[in-house]
Every structure is written in C-alpha cells, then in structure tokens.
N, C-alpha and C. Protein backbone atom coordinates (compact mmCIF):
# COMPACT_ATOMS: atom_id res chain seq x y z
N UNK A 1 0.75 30.96 -26.01
CA UNK A 1 0.43 30.61 -24.91
C UNK A 1 0.26 28.95 -24.60
N UNK A 2 1.14 28.40 -23.65
CA UNK A 2 1.13 27.06 -23.38
C UNK A 2 0.11 26.13 -22.95
N UNK A 3 -0.17 24.97 -23.30
CA UNK A 3 -1.57 24.44 -22.96
C UNK A 3 -0.80 23.31 -21.58
N UNK A 4 -1.52 23.63 -20.98
CA UNK A 4 -1.00 22.25 -19.61
C UNK A 4 -2.38 21.23 -19.82
N UNK A 5 -1.92 19.95 -20.04
CA UNK A 5 -2.66 19.03 -20.07
C UNK A 5 -2.42 18.08 -18.55
N UNK A 6 -3.95 18.02 -17.90
CA UNK A 6 -3.67 17.53 -16.69
C UNK A 6 -3.74 15.97 -16.93
N UNK A 7 -3.35 15.01 -16.14
CA UNK A 7 -3.23 13.75 -16.16
C UNK A 7 -2.98 13.09 -15.07
N UNK A 8 -3.55 11.94 -14.38
CA UNK A 8 -3.32 11.22 -13.30
C UNK A 8 -2.12 10.33 -13.36
N UNK A 9 -1.25 10.19 -12.49
CA UNK A 9 -0.40 9.17 -12.41
C UNK A 9 -1.26 7.63 -12.23
N UNK A 10 -0.42 6.69 -12.66
CA UNK A 10 -1.33 5.53 -12.85
C UNK A 10 -1.48 5.37 -11.42
N UNK A 11 -2.63 4.49 -11.37
CA UNK A 11 -3.03 4.04 -10.17
C UNK A 11 -2.31 3.01 -9.56
N UNK A 12 -1.58 3.11 -8.04
CA UNK A 12 -0.83 2.20 -7.59
C UNK A 12 -1.78 1.12 -6.86
N UNK A 13 -1.48 -0.12 -6.66
CA UNK A 13 -1.98 -0.95 -5.53
C UNK A 13 -0.81 -1.58 -4.98
N UNK A 14 -1.02 -1.82 -3.66
CA UNK A 14 0.17 -2.45 -2.56
C UNK A 14 -0.36 -3.47 -1.84
N UNK A 15 0.65 -4.36 -2.34
CA UNK A 15 0.46 -5.87 -1.93
C UNK A 15 1.93 -5.93 -0.92
N UNK A 16 1.68 -6.00 0.43
CA UNK A 16 2.74 -6.27 1.50
C UNK A 16 3.81 -5.06 1.21
N UNK A 17 3.42 -4.20 0.60
CA UNK A 17 4.54 -3.01 0.27
C UNK A 17 5.07 -2.92 -0.98
N UNK A 18 4.40 -4.00 -1.83
CA UNK A 18 5.31 -3.98 -3.18
C UNK A 18 4.12 -3.32 -3.76
N UNK A 19 4.60 -2.53 -4.82
CA UNK A 19 3.48 -1.37 -5.43
C UNK A 19 3.46 -2.01 -7.05
N UNK A 20 2.08 -2.52 -7.23
CA UNK A 20 1.88 -2.94 -8.33
C UNK A 20 1.05 -1.83 -9.28
N UNK A 21 1.20 -1.44 -10.78
CA UNK A 21 0.36 -0.61 -11.17
C UNK A 21 -1.00 -0.96 -11.61
N UNK A 22 -2.02 -0.40 -11.65
CA UNK A 22 -3.31 -0.59 -11.98
C UNK A 22 -3.09 -0.78 -13.84
N UNK A 23 -3.88 -1.71 -14.25
CA UNK A 23 -4.25 -1.44 -15.67
C UNK A 23 -4.97 -0.62 -16.38
N UNK A 24 -4.26 0.13 -17.39
CA UNK A 24 -5.18 1.17 -18.02
C UNK A 24 -6.08 0.55 -18.52
N UNK A 25 -7.47 0.88 -18.08
CA UNK A 25 -8.91 0.11 -18.69
C UNK A 25 -9.07 0.70 -19.94
N UNK A 26 -9.32 -0.17 -20.84
CA UNK A 26 -9.83 0.07 -22.45
C UNK A 26 -11.21 0.11 -22.21
N UNK A 27 -12.16 0.15 -23.77
CA UNK A 27 -13.37 0.29 -23.80
C UNK A 27 -14.29 -1.05 -23.00
N UNK A 28 -13.45 -2.26 -23.53
CA UNK A 28 -14.14 -3.64 -23.03
C UNK A 28 -13.86 -3.37 -21.66
N UNK A 29 -12.62 -3.35 -21.24
CA UNK A 29 -12.89 -3.49 -19.69
C UNK A 29 -13.69 -2.53 -18.64
N UNK A 30 -13.67 -1.24 -19.34
CA UNK A 30 -14.64 -0.73 -18.62
C UNK A 30 -15.97 -0.66 -18.98
N UNK A 31 -16.30 -1.03 -20.20
CA UNK A 31 -18.01 -1.41 -20.31
C UNK A 31 -18.37 -2.47 -19.51
N UNK A 32 -17.47 -3.64 -18.99
CA UNK A 32 -17.86 -4.59 -18.25
C UNK A 32 -17.85 -4.13 -16.62
N UNK A 33 -16.97 -3.35 -16.46
CA UNK A 33 -16.72 -2.85 -15.42
C UNK A 33 -17.93 -1.73 -15.21
N UNK A 34 -18.37 -0.90 -15.93
CA UNK A 34 -19.75 -0.23 -15.63
C UNK A 34 -20.88 -1.22 -15.42
N UNK A 35 -21.41 -2.11 -16.24
CA UNK A 35 -22.17 -2.98 -16.28
C UNK A 35 -22.00 -3.53 -14.96
N UNK A 36 -20.99 -4.26 -14.35
CA UNK A 36 -21.39 -4.75 -12.77
C UNK A 36 -21.68 -3.86 -11.85
N UNK A 37 -21.28 -2.86 -11.98
CA UNK A 37 -21.26 -1.83 -10.72
C UNK A 37 -22.71 -1.07 -11.14
N UNK A 38 -23.47 -1.20 -12.36
CA UNK A 38 -24.81 -0.95 -12.63
C UNK A 38 -25.84 -2.07 -11.79
N UNK A 39 -25.36 -3.07 -12.09
CA UNK A 39 -25.96 -4.42 -11.81
C UNK A 39 -26.06 -4.40 -10.26
N UNK A 40 -24.90 -4.43 -9.70
CA UNK A 40 -24.63 -4.35 -8.29
C UNK A 40 -25.49 -3.30 -7.45
N UNK A 41 -25.46 -1.99 -8.00
CA UNK A 41 -25.78 -0.91 -7.73
C UNK A 41 -27.21 -1.00 -7.29
N UNK A 42 -28.00 -1.38 -8.27
CA UNK A 42 -29.27 -1.79 -8.63
C UNK A 42 -29.91 -2.72 -7.68
N UNK A 43 -29.28 -4.01 -7.59
CA UNK A 43 -29.67 -4.62 -6.74
C UNK A 43 -29.53 -4.57 -5.43
N UNK A 44 -28.54 -4.04 -4.97
CA UNK A 44 -28.31 -3.71 -3.54
C UNK A 44 -29.27 -2.66 -3.07
N UNK A 45 -30.02 -1.68 -3.38
CA UNK A 45 -30.96 -1.00 -3.06
C UNK A 45 -30.44 -0.21 -2.20
N UNK A 46 -31.03 0.18 -0.93
CA UNK A 46 -30.97 0.83 0.30
C UNK A 46 -30.10 0.05 0.73
N UNK A 47 -29.25 -0.67 0.98
CA UNK A 47 -28.36 -1.53 1.57
C UNK A 47 -27.04 -1.21 1.86
N UNK A 48 -26.84 -0.68 0.84
CA UNK A 48 -25.02 -0.31 0.80
C UNK A 48 -24.75 0.53 -0.68
N UNK A 49 -23.69 0.53 -1.20
CA UNK A 49 -23.53 1.16 -2.07
C UNK A 49 -22.12 0.61 -3.05
N UNK A 50 -22.09 0.51 -4.22
CA UNK A 50 -20.69 0.08 -5.03
C UNK A 50 -20.59 1.21 -5.79
N UNK A 51 -19.07 1.21 -5.84
CA UNK A 51 -18.21 2.36 -6.38
C UNK A 51 -17.22 1.64 -7.38
N UNK A 52 -16.78 2.68 -8.21
CA UNK A 52 -15.78 1.94 -8.75
C UNK A 52 -14.63 2.66 -8.82
N UNK A 53 -13.33 1.77 -8.54
CA UNK A 53 -12.02 2.16 -8.36
C UNK A 53 -11.96 3.15 -7.20
N UNK A 54 -12.55 2.50 -5.96
CA UNK A 54 -12.80 2.91 -4.30
C UNK A 54 -11.60 2.50 -3.80
N UNK A 55 -10.72 3.01 -3.16
CA UNK A 55 -9.35 2.57 -2.48
C UNK A 55 -10.05 2.07 -1.15
N UNK A 56 -9.41 0.76 -0.80
CA UNK A 56 -9.42 0.33 0.17
C UNK A 56 -8.29 -0.02 0.84
N UNK A 57 -7.90 0.23 2.37
CA UNK A 57 -6.43 0.22 3.00
C UNK A 57 -6.75 -1.10 3.98
N UNK A 58 -6.92 -2.13 2.94
CA UNK A 58 -7.00 -3.61 3.57
C UNK A 58 -5.92 -4.24 4.86
N UNK A 59 -4.78 -3.36 4.35
CA UNK A 59 -3.76 -3.81 5.32
C UNK A 59 -3.94 -3.52 6.98
N UNK A 60 -4.87 -2.40 6.81
CA UNK A 60 -5.24 -2.16 8.10
C UNK A 60 -5.97 -3.39 9.03
N UNK A 61 -6.73 -4.17 8.27
CA UNK A 61 -7.57 -5.63 8.87
C UNK A 61 -6.20 -6.65 9.19
N UNK A 62 -5.11 -6.44 8.56
CA UNK A 62 -4.13 -7.52 8.87
C UNK A 62 -2.87 -7.27 8.96
N UNK A 63 -2.68 -5.90 9.19
CA UNK A 63 -1.34 -5.38 9.81
C UNK A 63 -0.29 -5.39 8.74
N UNK A 64 -0.68 -5.36 7.33
CA UNK A 64 0.06 -5.07 6.43
C UNK A 64 0.31 -3.65 5.51
N UNK A 65 1.23 -3.81 4.82
CA UNK A 65 1.02 -2.63 3.91
C UNK A 65 0.23 -2.75 2.63
N UNK A 66 -0.77 -2.79 2.66
CA UNK A 66 -1.72 -3.46 1.49
C UNK A 66 -2.74 -2.38 0.97
N UNK A 67 -2.76 -1.91 0.02
CA UNK A 67 -3.98 -1.13 -0.26
C UNK A 67 -4.39 -1.69 -1.88
N UNK A 68 -5.65 -1.94 -1.79
CA UNK A 68 -6.05 -2.57 -3.53
C UNK A 68 -7.43 -1.45 -3.87
N UNK A 69 -7.38 -1.15 -5.14
CA UNK A 69 -8.46 -0.41 -5.71
C UNK A 69 -9.40 -1.46 -6.60
N UNK A 70 -10.15 -2.09 -6.44
CA UNK A 70 -10.87 -2.77 -7.03
C UNK A 70 -11.63 -2.38 -8.12
N UNK A 71 -11.95 -2.68 -9.11
CA UNK A 71 -12.54 -1.99 -10.07
C UNK A 71 -14.18 -1.74 -9.90
N UNK A 72 -14.89 -2.52 -9.10
CA UNK A 72 -15.90 -1.90 -8.33
C UNK A 72 -15.61 -3.17 -7.22
N UNK A 73 -16.17 -1.92 -5.86
CA UNK A 73 -16.34 -2.54 -4.47
C UNK A 73 -17.78 -1.94 -4.11
N UNK A 74 -17.98 -3.30 -3.63
CA UNK A 74 -19.44 -3.12 -2.95
C UNK A 74 -19.22 -2.86 -1.17
N UNK A 75 -19.98 -2.17 -0.44
CA UNK A 75 -19.77 -2.05 1.00
C UNK A 75 -21.40 -2.02 1.50
N UNK A 76 -21.70 -2.81 2.25
CA UNK A 76 -23.33 -2.60 3.37
C UNK A 76 -22.85 -1.23 3.97
N UNK A 77 -23.78 -0.39 4.25
CA UNK A 77 -23.83 0.92 4.82
C UNK A 77 -23.69 0.28 6.40
N UNK A 78 -24.14 -1.12 6.59
CA UNK A 78 -24.09 -1.39 8.01
C UNK A 78 -22.72 -1.48 8.63
N UNK A 79 -21.84 -1.86 7.57
CA UNK A 79 -20.46 -2.05 7.74
C UNK A 79 -19.49 -0.75 7.85
N UNK A 80 -20.36 0.44 6.81
CA UNK A 80 -19.53 1.69 6.87
C UNK A 80 -20.06 2.50 7.86
N UNK A 81 -21.05 2.31 8.42
CA UNK A 81 -21.49 3.04 9.79
C UNK A 81 -20.68 2.56 11.10
N UNK A 82 -19.94 1.57 10.97
CA UNK A 82 -19.14 0.67 12.16
C UNK A 82 -17.71 1.35 12.49
N UNK A 83 -17.71 2.19 11.10
CA UNK A 83 -16.14 3.09 11.29
C UNK A 83 -16.42 4.57 11.34
N UNK A 84 -15.33 5.61 11.58
CA UNK A 84 -15.63 6.80 11.89
C UNK A 84 -15.74 7.39 10.07
N UNK A 85 -16.78 8.60 10.36
CA UNK A 85 -17.12 8.92 8.92
C UNK A 85 -15.54 9.28 7.96
N UNK A 86 -14.36 9.93 8.61
CA UNK A 86 -13.27 10.16 8.00
C UNK A 86 -12.74 8.97 7.34
N UNK A 87 -13.03 7.72 7.65
CA UNK A 87 -12.45 6.56 7.34
C UNK A 87 -13.14 6.09 5.91
N UNK A 88 -14.37 6.34 5.86
CA UNK A 88 -15.15 6.00 4.68
C UNK A 88 -14.93 6.07 3.32
N UNK A 89 -14.08 6.91 3.07
CA UNK A 89 -13.25 7.44 1.78
C UNK A 89 -12.50 6.20 1.44
N UNK A 90 -11.90 5.57 2.17
CA UNK A 90 -10.92 4.60 2.19
C UNK A 90 -10.97 3.74 3.17
N UNK A 91 -11.66 2.79 3.26
CA UNK A 91 -12.21 2.08 4.21
C UNK A 91 -11.26 1.00 5.01
N UNK A 92 -10.85 0.84 5.85
CA UNK A 92 -9.55 0.03 6.61
C UNK A 92 -10.14 -1.55 6.81
N UNK A 93 -10.66 -1.88 5.50
CA UNK A 93 -11.20 -3.28 5.24
C UNK A 93 -11.31 -3.78 3.97
N UNK A 94 -11.37 -5.03 3.53
CA UNK A 94 -11.84 -5.36 2.10
C UNK A 94 -13.33 -4.85 2.16
N UNK A 95 -13.86 -4.60 0.80
CA UNK A 95 -15.23 -4.51 0.69
C UNK A 95 -15.92 -6.01 0.39
N UNK A 96 -17.40 -5.79 0.87
CA UNK A 96 -18.11 -7.37 0.89
C UNK A 96 -18.07 -7.64 -0.42
N UNK A 97 -18.21 -7.11 -1.25
CA UNK A 97 -17.89 -7.61 -2.80
C UNK A 97 -16.90 -6.98 -3.65
N UNK A 98 -15.83 -7.64 -4.23
CA UNK A 98 -14.70 -7.09 -4.70
C UNK A 98 -14.78 -7.46 -6.10
N UNK A 99 -14.83 -6.57 -7.04
CA UNK A 99 -15.05 -7.09 -8.49
C UNK A 99 -13.77 -6.55 -9.27
N UNK A 100 -12.86 -7.52 -9.91
CA UNK A 100 -11.91 -7.15 -10.84
C UNK A 100 -12.32 -7.72 -12.02
N UNK A 101 -11.95 -6.71 -13.02
CA UNK A 101 -12.04 -7.11 -14.66
C UNK A 101 -10.83 -7.46 -15.26
N UNK A 102 -10.87 -8.57 -15.56
CA UNK A 102 -9.78 -9.12 -16.57
C UNK A 102 -8.91 -8.47 -17.61
N UNK A 103 -7.68 -8.29 -17.61
CA UNK A 103 -7.25 -7.63 -18.92
C UNK A 103 -6.16 -8.46 -19.50
N UNK A 104 -5.70 -8.07 -20.82
CA UNK A 104 -4.80 -9.32 -21.35
C UNK A 104 -3.28 -9.06 -20.59
N UNK A 105 -3.19 -7.98 -20.04
CA UNK A 105 -1.83 -7.95 -19.66
C UNK A 105 -1.87 -8.03 -17.86
N UNK A 106 -2.95 -8.47 -17.41
CA UNK A 106 -2.63 -8.74 -16.01
C UNK A 106 -1.86 -9.96 -15.57
N UNK A 107 -1.31 -9.40 -14.16
CA UNK A 107 -0.32 -10.38 -13.62
C UNK A 107 -0.97 -11.30 -13.03
N UNK A 108 -0.99 -12.45 -13.52
CA UNK A 108 -2.20 -13.55 -12.91
C UNK A 108 -1.80 -14.19 -11.31
N UNK A 109 -0.34 -14.24 -10.97
CA UNK A 109 0.24 -14.49 -10.01
C UNK A 109 -0.32 -13.35 -8.86
N UNK A 110 -0.36 -11.87 -9.16
CA UNK A 110 -0.69 -10.77 -8.25
C UNK A 110 -2.07 -11.05 -8.37
N UNK A 111 -3.25 -11.32 -9.10
CA UNK A 111 -4.55 -11.38 -9.03
C UNK A 111 -5.02 -12.62 -8.22
N UNK A 112 -4.40 -13.60 -8.42
CA UNK A 112 -4.42 -14.69 -7.26
C UNK A 112 -4.31 -14.22 -6.09
N UNK A 113 -3.20 -13.52 -5.45
CA UNK A 113 -3.03 -13.07 -4.17
C UNK A 113 -3.96 -12.06 -3.73
N UNK A 114 -4.41 -11.11 -4.95
CA UNK A 114 -5.18 -10.01 -4.28
C UNK A 114 -6.55 -10.72 -3.81
N UNK A 115 -7.05 -11.89 -4.50
CA UNK A 115 -8.48 -12.67 -4.31
C UNK A 115 -8.03 -13.07 -2.96
N UNK A 116 -7.14 -14.00 -2.26
CA UNK A 116 -6.81 -14.46 -1.23
C UNK A 116 -6.61 -13.50 -0.22
N UNK A 117 -6.34 -12.48 -0.42
CA UNK A 117 -6.01 -11.37 0.35
C UNK A 117 -7.81 -10.93 0.54
N UNK A 118 -8.53 -10.12 -0.32
CA UNK A 118 -9.85 -9.91 -0.10
C UNK A 118 -10.45 -10.54 0.79
N UNK A 119 -10.49 -12.12 0.64
CA UNK A 119 -11.23 -12.68 1.43
C UNK A 119 -10.76 -12.91 2.92
N UNK A 120 -9.33 -12.82 3.11
CA UNK A 120 -8.69 -12.93 4.39
C UNK A 120 -9.28 -11.59 4.96
N UNK A 121 -9.48 -10.59 4.59
CA UNK A 121 -9.93 -9.25 5.28
C UNK A 121 -11.06 -8.68 5.10
N UNK A 122 -11.76 -9.39 4.92
CA UNK A 122 -13.49 -9.06 5.09
C UNK A 122 -14.62 -9.04 3.67
N UNK A 123 -13.87 -9.64 2.42
CA UNK A 123 -14.83 -9.60 1.35
C UNK A 123 -15.52 -11.23 1.63
N UNK A 124 -16.45 -11.18 1.37
CA UNK A 124 -17.48 -12.25 1.59
C UNK A 124 -17.78 -12.88 0.11
N UNK A 125 -17.36 -12.03 -1.10
CA UNK A 125 -17.21 -12.39 -2.58
C UNK A 125 -16.61 -11.95 -3.55
N UNK A 126 -15.45 -12.46 -4.47
CA UNK A 126 -15.01 -11.44 -5.18
C UNK A 126 -15.26 -12.40 -6.30
N UNK A 127 -15.57 -11.39 -7.58
CA UNK A 127 -15.93 -11.63 -8.73
C UNK A 127 -14.78 -11.16 -9.80
N UNK A 128 -14.53 -11.95 -10.23
CA UNK A 128 -13.47 -11.93 -11.53
C UNK A 128 -14.18 -12.19 -12.87
N UNK A 129 -14.19 -10.95 -13.61
CA UNK A 129 -14.75 -11.05 -14.89
C UNK A 129 -13.84 -11.15 -15.96
N UNK A 130 -14.09 -11.81 -17.20
CA UNK A 130 -13.31 -12.07 -18.05
C UNK A 130 -14.24 -11.67 -19.68
N UNK A 131 -14.03 -10.34 -19.74
CA UNK A 131 -14.41 -9.92 -21.08
C UNK A 131 -14.28 -10.99 -22.60
N UNK A 132 -13.11 -11.42 -22.52
CA UNK A 132 -12.82 -12.42 -23.56
C UNK A 132 -13.56 -13.72 -23.77
N UNK A 133 -13.70 -14.53 -22.31
CA UNK A 133 -14.47 -15.56 -22.29
C UNK A 133 -15.83 -15.21 -22.13
N UNK A 134 -16.08 -14.05 -21.58
CA UNK A 134 -17.29 -13.85 -20.93
C UNK A 134 -17.82 -14.70 -19.88
N UNK A 135 -16.92 -14.70 -19.16
CA UNK A 135 -17.23 -15.64 -18.02
C UNK A 135 -17.05 -14.73 -16.73
N UNK A 136 -17.48 -15.07 -15.52
CA UNK A 136 -17.54 -14.55 -14.32
C UNK A 136 -16.87 -15.76 -13.07
N UNK A 137 -15.99 -15.78 -12.76
CA UNK A 137 -15.68 -16.28 -11.41
C UNK A 137 -15.91 -15.74 -10.15
N UNK A 138 -16.67 -16.39 -9.15
CA UNK A 138 -16.95 -16.26 -8.25
C UNK A 138 -16.49 -16.78 -6.83
N UNK A 139 -15.45 -16.24 -6.26
CA UNK A 139 -14.35 -16.66 -5.29
C UNK A 139 -15.04 -16.62 -4.02
N UNK A 140 -15.17 -17.45 -3.09
CA UNK A 140 -15.77 -17.14 -1.80
C UNK A 140 -14.86 -18.11 -0.64
N UNK A 141 -14.77 -17.92 0.39
CA UNK A 141 -14.00 -18.74 1.26
C UNK A 141 -13.64 -19.96 0.90
N UNK A 142 -14.55 -20.41 0.31
CA UNK A 142 -15.13 -22.38 0.31
C UNK A 142 -14.47 -22.45 -1.18
N UNK A 143 -14.51 -21.86 -1.96
CA UNK A 143 -13.55 -22.06 -3.45
C UNK A 143 -14.26 -21.21 -4.22
N UNK A 144 -14.46 -21.85 -5.81
CA UNK A 144 -15.11 -20.68 -6.80
C UNK A 144 -16.12 -21.31 -7.41
N UNK A 145 -16.83 -20.43 -8.11
CA UNK A 145 -18.04 -21.14 -8.78
C UNK A 145 -17.55 -20.21 -10.02
N UNK A 146 -17.97 -20.78 -11.22
CA UNK A 146 -17.95 -20.27 -12.72
C UNK A 146 -19.28 -20.03 -13.28
N UNK A 147 -19.45 -18.92 -13.93
CA UNK A 147 -20.38 -18.41 -14.51
C UNK A 147 -20.30 -18.13 -16.12
N UNK A 148 -20.92 -18.61 -17.02
CA UNK A 148 -20.92 -18.08 -18.23
C UNK A 148 -22.20 -17.43 -19.13
N UNK A 149 -21.90 -16.79 -20.06
CA UNK A 149 -23.39 -16.44 -20.60
C UNK A 149 -24.17 -17.52 -21.02
N UNK A 150 -25.40 -17.23 -20.75
CA UNK A 150 -26.34 -18.16 -20.67
C UNK A 150 -26.76 -18.52 -19.08
N UNK A 151 -25.85 -18.23 -18.26
CA UNK A 151 -26.06 -18.50 -16.90
C UNK A 151 -26.73 -17.47 -16.07
N UNK A 152 -27.25 -17.67 -15.00
CA UNK A 152 -28.09 -17.12 -14.17
C UNK A 152 -27.10 -16.90 -12.97
N UNK A 153 -26.57 -15.51 -12.74
CA UNK A 153 -25.65 -15.55 -11.40
C UNK A 153 -26.39 -15.49 -10.22
N UNK A 154 -26.32 -16.50 -9.36
CA UNK A 154 -26.81 -16.60 -7.91
C UNK A 154 -25.53 -17.10 -7.12
N UNK A 155 -25.57 -16.44 -5.98
CA UNK A 155 -24.75 -16.87 -4.87
C UNK A 155 -25.15 -16.93 -3.69
N UNK A 156 -25.02 -17.72 -2.55
CA UNK A 156 -25.43 -17.68 -1.06
C UNK A 156 -24.82 -16.76 -0.48
N UNK A 157 -23.71 -16.44 -0.82
CA UNK A 157 -22.83 -14.84 0.15
C UNK A 157 -23.44 -13.85 0.10
N UNK A 158 -24.43 -13.62 -1.23
CA UNK A 158 -25.32 -12.18 -1.37
C UNK A 158 -26.44 -12.84 -2.42
N UNK A 159 -27.26 -13.38 -1.59
CA UNK A 159 -28.60 -13.80 -2.07
C UNK A 159 -29.64 -12.47 -2.54
N UNK A 160 -29.17 -11.54 -2.39
CA UNK A 160 -29.67 -10.24 -3.10
C UNK A 160 -29.36 -9.93 -4.50
N UNK A 161 -28.17 -10.31 -4.83
CA UNK A 161 -27.44 -10.20 -6.42
C UNK A 161 -27.83 -11.39 -7.32
N UNK A 162 -28.74 -11.29 -7.92
CA UNK A 162 -28.91 -12.52 -9.07
C UNK A 162 -29.12 -11.50 -10.54
N UNK A 163 -28.44 -11.93 -11.20
CA UNK A 163 -28.47 -11.20 -12.63
C UNK A 163 -28.02 -12.22 -13.79
N UNK A 164 -28.42 -12.24 -15.00
CA UNK A 164 -28.15 -12.97 -16.28
C UNK A 164 -26.99 -12.59 -16.70
N UNK A 165 -25.76 -13.44 -16.79
CA UNK A 165 -24.15 -13.25 -17.06
C UNK A 165 -24.29 -12.36 -18.09
N UNK A 166 -25.33 -12.82 -19.58
CA UNK A 166 -25.17 -12.32 -20.72
C UNK A 166 -25.28 -10.82 -20.70
N UNK A 167 -26.09 -10.15 -19.86
CA UNK A 167 -26.16 -8.61 -19.54
C UNK A 167 -24.65 -8.04 -19.34
N UNK A 168 -23.99 -8.68 -18.58
CA UNK A 168 -22.65 -8.08 -18.26
C UNK A 168 -21.90 -7.83 -19.80
N UNK A 169 -21.98 -8.80 -20.30
CA UNK A 169 -21.01 -8.65 -21.82
C UNK A 169 -22.01 -8.34 -23.08
N UNK A 170 -23.33 -8.31 -23.02
CA UNK A 170 -24.31 -8.00 -24.20
C UNK A 170 -23.57 -6.45 -25.03
N UNK A 171 -23.15 -5.56 -24.53
CA UNK A 171 -22.69 -4.25 -24.97
C UNK A 171 -21.40 -4.61 -26.01
N UNK A 172 -20.46 -5.64 -25.62
CA UNK A 172 -19.28 -5.83 -26.04
C UNK A 172 -19.32 -6.17 -27.79
N UNK A 173 -20.62 -6.80 -27.93
CA UNK A 173 -20.75 -6.81 -29.38
C UNK A 173 -20.96 -5.60 -30.43
N UNK A 174 -21.22 -4.53 -29.58
CA UNK A 174 -21.24 -3.20 -30.04
C UNK A 174 -20.05 -2.43 -30.77
N UNK A 175 -19.26 -3.29 -30.24
CA UNK A 175 -17.68 -2.77 -30.54
C UNK A 175 -16.94 -3.47 -31.59
N UNK A 176 -17.78 -4.52 -32.17
CA UNK A 176 -17.36 -4.98 -33.56
C UNK A 176 -17.79 -4.60 -34.54
N UNK A 177 -17.28 -4.75 -35.60
CA UNK A 177 -17.96 -4.20 -37.12
C UNK A 177 -18.86 -4.92 -37.57
C-alpha cells in the first residue's frame, strides 16, 4: 500500500506581481517568531490579536498585486471590524504591527521594500528580529530604532507593547550543546 505524504508548497509572497518564496523556518527562526507572537498577543489583551503566517492582501490598499505573509501580524479589533467578515481571513491592508524574523538566506533588498510597503499600506510599526545578533529593529514612518538584549522594548506607536528584548531570544541558548 502506497503512503501519501501531505506537504504544502512553499508559501509565496507577491510584491508588485513578482513572486518571492517564504524562507522555510528552522528552530531558531520559529522560536523567535513564537516568542514575539506570545508577547504581542499577551500585551494586546482584548484589543486585537496577533497571528503567525497570516496573509495580508495589501495590494488592495495601494492598487498593486502585493500580498505579504509576515511571520507575525497584529491587527486591532477596531480595524478588523471596519471590513466585511469575509475579508478578515486575508485583510486588504497591512497589519498594525508586522514582524519579520531574519533568516541567513533573506533577500535584504526584498525585506527593505517589504518594510516600506507595510508602512505605506497601514502598518504603524514593523519589527525585524535578528536571532543571530539578538536585536530587534523597530521601523515606523519616521525611521528606525534598534533594540538589543539588555534593552526594554518601548515604542510610542504602540505604547501598550513593552517587554525585555532578552525574553525574545532567551530560549535560543537551549539549542546549544
């Protein structure tokens, strides 16, 4: 009897109609992604929710063929309730907070363009976490602020979101011998 293995094709993101495959996450990547999801979800309380690998059809906001799948996306319930229920699985705008976790094979030019596009289509904050450097870069429409282990994350764009940066990367040491 033949065994059927189910697998998903690589997730694809679109930027102005050009396809970019998502990087397949490894333990370090998914661990940092999970910690950021947990912190954002916990701090958001009943104001909205964070989801991992949530598809956003942001091209509907700027009339392009652009669809992103951030590692973590947070949207307030207020914004979600402004759109029809049938669009909430794939909102037609960028998340309030978009999180991208760096991988060694990232296309940095694509990442820079994604950050710009997130901010142009509704994100108030884009976090880029780097597991190797143990840093978080917080991008907003006015620039970028860098946080490292030992810093407390605080940002005026989302005053409810505060945490010790070290918490995001703490479990990475458990992967070492």
